[in-house]
Amino acid sequence: MAETEADIAFGVVLKKGGAAIGDAYTDWGLEITNATAPGFTRAAIDATHMASPNGWGEVIMSGVKNQKPFTVECNWIASFTGDIKTALTAAAMSFWKFEFPDGSSVATKAGISDFSPGAMTPDGKMTGSIEFTPSGEPTWA
């Protein structure tokens, strides 16, 4: 059996671009502790009818594909909340790019759809969760 090519996530970075695909990306400075990259989905449309073979349901695959929202959990730096609010309230979506430890990346157009600071305790670190809702097709490189 061949050796695994699995990698650890240490070193994953999320960079912010501008409103156009060719704009430069800059490290947004998030201290990421957990993240999900954008996934994607395709709808299965029920096509079952009264004479479907042996009573089994049938589906047809939609041509429409969507990206799933992705979430970044981070150490919350309270003074950075203004930048998050600005991105959340912006009318135009920005391009975002995850860079992975193996040198690959995924870029997508997305807007921040949710920001939630975590629980704050006297002896605990402050955390936050940012959800991004993507639009269009992602670019994997």
Protein backbone atom coordinates (compact mmCIF):
# COMPACT_ATOMS: atom_id res chain seq x y z
CA MET A 1 0.00 0.00 0.00
CA ALA A 2 1.28 3.48 -0.87
CA GLU A 3 2.20 5.97 1.83
CA THR A 4 -0.37 8.61 2.66
CA GLU A 5 -0.20 12.07 1.15
CA ALA A 6 -2.31 13.56 3.97
CA ASP A 7 -1.15 16.87 5.41
CA ILE A 8 -1.85 18.83 8.57
CA ALA A 9 -3.65 22.17 8.44
CA PHE A 10 -1.00 24.09 10.37
CA GLY A 11 -0.08 27.10 8.27
CA VAL A 12 -3.44 27.63 6.51
CA VAL A 13 -3.89 31.33 5.72
CA LEU A 14 -6.97 33.27 4.57
CA LYS A 15 -6.19 36.25 2.38
CA LYS A 16 -8.54 39.04 1.25
CA GLY A 17 -8.61 40.37 -2.28
CA GLY A 18 -10.57 43.21 -3.78
CA ALA A 19 -13.85 43.30 -5.67
CA ALA A 20 -12.22 42.10 -8.93
CA ILE A 21 -10.65 38.70 -9.56
CA GLY A 22 -7.27 40.19 -10.58
CA ASP A 23 -6.84 42.30 -7.44
CA ALA A 24 -3.91 41.48 -5.16
CA TYR A 25 -4.52 39.37 -2.05
CA THR A 26 -3.27 40.43 1.36
CA ASP A 27 -3.09 38.44 4.58
CA TRP A 28 -6.09 39.61 6.61
CA GLY A 29 -4.22 38.88 9.83
CA LEU A 30 -6.69 36.42 11.35
CA GLU A 31 -5.23 34.09 13.96
CA ILE A 32 -7.12 31.08 12.59
CA THR A 33 -7.76 28.22 14.99
CA ASN A 34 -10.22 26.25 12.85
CA ALA A 35 -11.55 26.68 9.31
CA THR A 36 -13.63 25.03 6.64
CA ALA A 37 -12.79 25.76 3.02
CA PRO A 38 -15.69 26.27 0.60
CA GLY A 39 -17.43 23.05 -0.35
CA PHE A 40 -19.88 22.72 -3.19
CA THR A 41 -23.16 21.05 -3.91
CA ARG A 42 -25.41 20.14 -6.80
CA ALA A 43 -29.15 19.69 -6.42
CA ALA A 44 -30.80 16.33 -7.05
CA ILE A 45 -34.32 16.90 -8.35
CA ASP A 46 -36.93 14.28 -7.55
CA ALA A 47 -38.24 12.73 -10.78
CA THR A 48 -40.15 9.86 -9.18
CA HIS A 49 -43.41 8.99 -10.94
CA MET A 50 -46.23 6.51 -10.51
CA ALA A 51 -44.46 3.91 -12.67
CA SER A 52 -40.87 4.32 -11.39
CA PRO A 53 -39.19 0.91 -11.71
CA ASN A 54 -39.96 -1.37 -8.74
CA GLY A 55 -41.16 1.62 -6.73
CA TRP A 56 -37.69 3.12 -6.36
CA GLY A 57 -37.33 6.90 -6.35
CA GLU A 58 -35.59 8.54 -9.29
CA VAL A 59 -33.66 11.78 -9.49
CA ILE A 60 -32.17 13.97 -12.18
CA MET A 61 -29.12 16.06 -11.44
CA SER A 62 -29.55 19.80 -11.70
CA GLY A 63 -27.11 21.78 -13.80
CA VAL A 64 -26.99 24.40 -11.04
CA LYS A 65 -24.09 24.07 -8.61
CA ASN A 66 -23.57 26.13 -5.47
CA GLN A 67 -20.76 26.67 -3.05
CA LYS A 68 -21.44 26.03 0.61
CA PRO A 69 -20.78 28.74 3.19
CA PHE A 70 -17.42 28.44 4.94
CA THR A 71 -16.46 29.36 8.47
CA VAL A 72 -13.28 30.63 10.07
CA GLU A 73 -12.82 30.40 13.81
CA CYS A 74 -10.10 32.59 15.22
CA ASN A 75 -8.58 34.25 18.24
CA TRP A 76 -10.75 37.35 18.43
CA ILE A 77 -8.75 40.56 18.48
CA ALA A 78 -11.40 43.06 19.61
CA SER A 79 -9.73 46.03 17.88
CA PHE A 80 -10.06 44.16 14.55
CA THR A 81 -13.87 44.02 14.78
CA GLY A 82 -14.20 47.25 12.76
CA ASP A 83 -12.55 45.57 9.75
CA ILE A 84 -14.94 42.63 10.08
CA LYS A 85 -17.94 44.99 10.31
CA THR A 86 -16.76 46.94 7.26
CA ALA A 87 -16.51 43.71 5.23
CA LEU A 88 -19.89 42.52 6.53
CA THR A 89 -21.70 45.74 5.61
CA ALA A 90 -19.98 46.22 2.23
CA ALA A 91 -22.36 46.22 -0.74
CA ALA A 92 -19.82 44.45 -2.97
CA MET A 93 -18.43 41.01 -2.21
CA SER A 94 -14.67 40.55 -2.07
CA PHE A 95 -12.46 37.74 -3.30
CA TRP A 96 -10.98 35.51 -0.59
CA LYS A 97 -8.24 32.92 -0.90
CA PHE A 98 -7.26 30.04 1.35
CA GLU A 99 -3.60 29.07 0.97
CA PHE A 100 -2.81 25.55 2.13
CA PRO A 101 0.46 24.10 3.51
CA ASP A 102 1.11 22.10 0.31
CA GLY A 103 1.15 25.29 -1.79
CA SER A 104 -2.32 24.83 -3.30
CA SER A 105 -5.12 27.35 -2.86
CA VAL A 106 -8.79 28.06 -3.45
CA ALA A 107 -10.12 31.52 -4.28
CA THR A 108 -13.75 32.56 -4.30
CA LYS A 109 -15.97 35.60 -4.29
CA ALA A 110 -17.77 35.81 -0.92
CA GLY A 111 -19.32 38.13 1.59
CA ILE A 112 -19.29 37.90 5.36
CA SER A 113 -22.76 36.77 6.39
CA ASP A 114 -22.22 36.25 10.12
CA PHE A 115 -19.80 37.22 12.87
CA SER A 116 -20.13 35.90 16.41
CA PRO A 117 -17.73 36.55 19.26
CA GLY A 118 -17.31 33.50 21.46
CA ALA A 119 -17.99 33.23 25.18
CA MET A 120 -15.81 35.47 27.32
CA THR A 121 -14.61 34.18 30.64
CA PRO A 122 -12.18 35.70 33.16
CA ASP A 123 -9.44 33.19 32.37
CA GLY A 124 -10.32 32.19 28.78
CA LYS A 125 -9.09 33.51 25.48
CA MET A 126 -11.48 35.53 23.34
CA THR A 127 -12.58 33.73 20.20
CA GLY A 128 -14.74 34.59 17.23
CA SER A 129 -16.44 32.86 14.33
CA ILE A 130 -16.86 34.39 10.88
CA GLU A 131 -19.14 32.84 8.26
CA PHE A 132 -18.64 33.63 4.58
CA THR A 133 -21.29 33.06 1.91
CA PRO A 134 -19.70 32.48 -1.50
CA SER A 135 -21.06 33.30 -4.94
CA GLY A 136 -20.10 31.83 -8.30
CA GLU A 137 -17.47 29.25 -9.14
CA PRO A 138 -14.36 28.75 -6.96
CA THR A 139 -10.88 28.65 -8.48
CA TRP A 140 -8.66 25.82 -7.21
CA ALA A 141 -4.96 26.09 -7.94
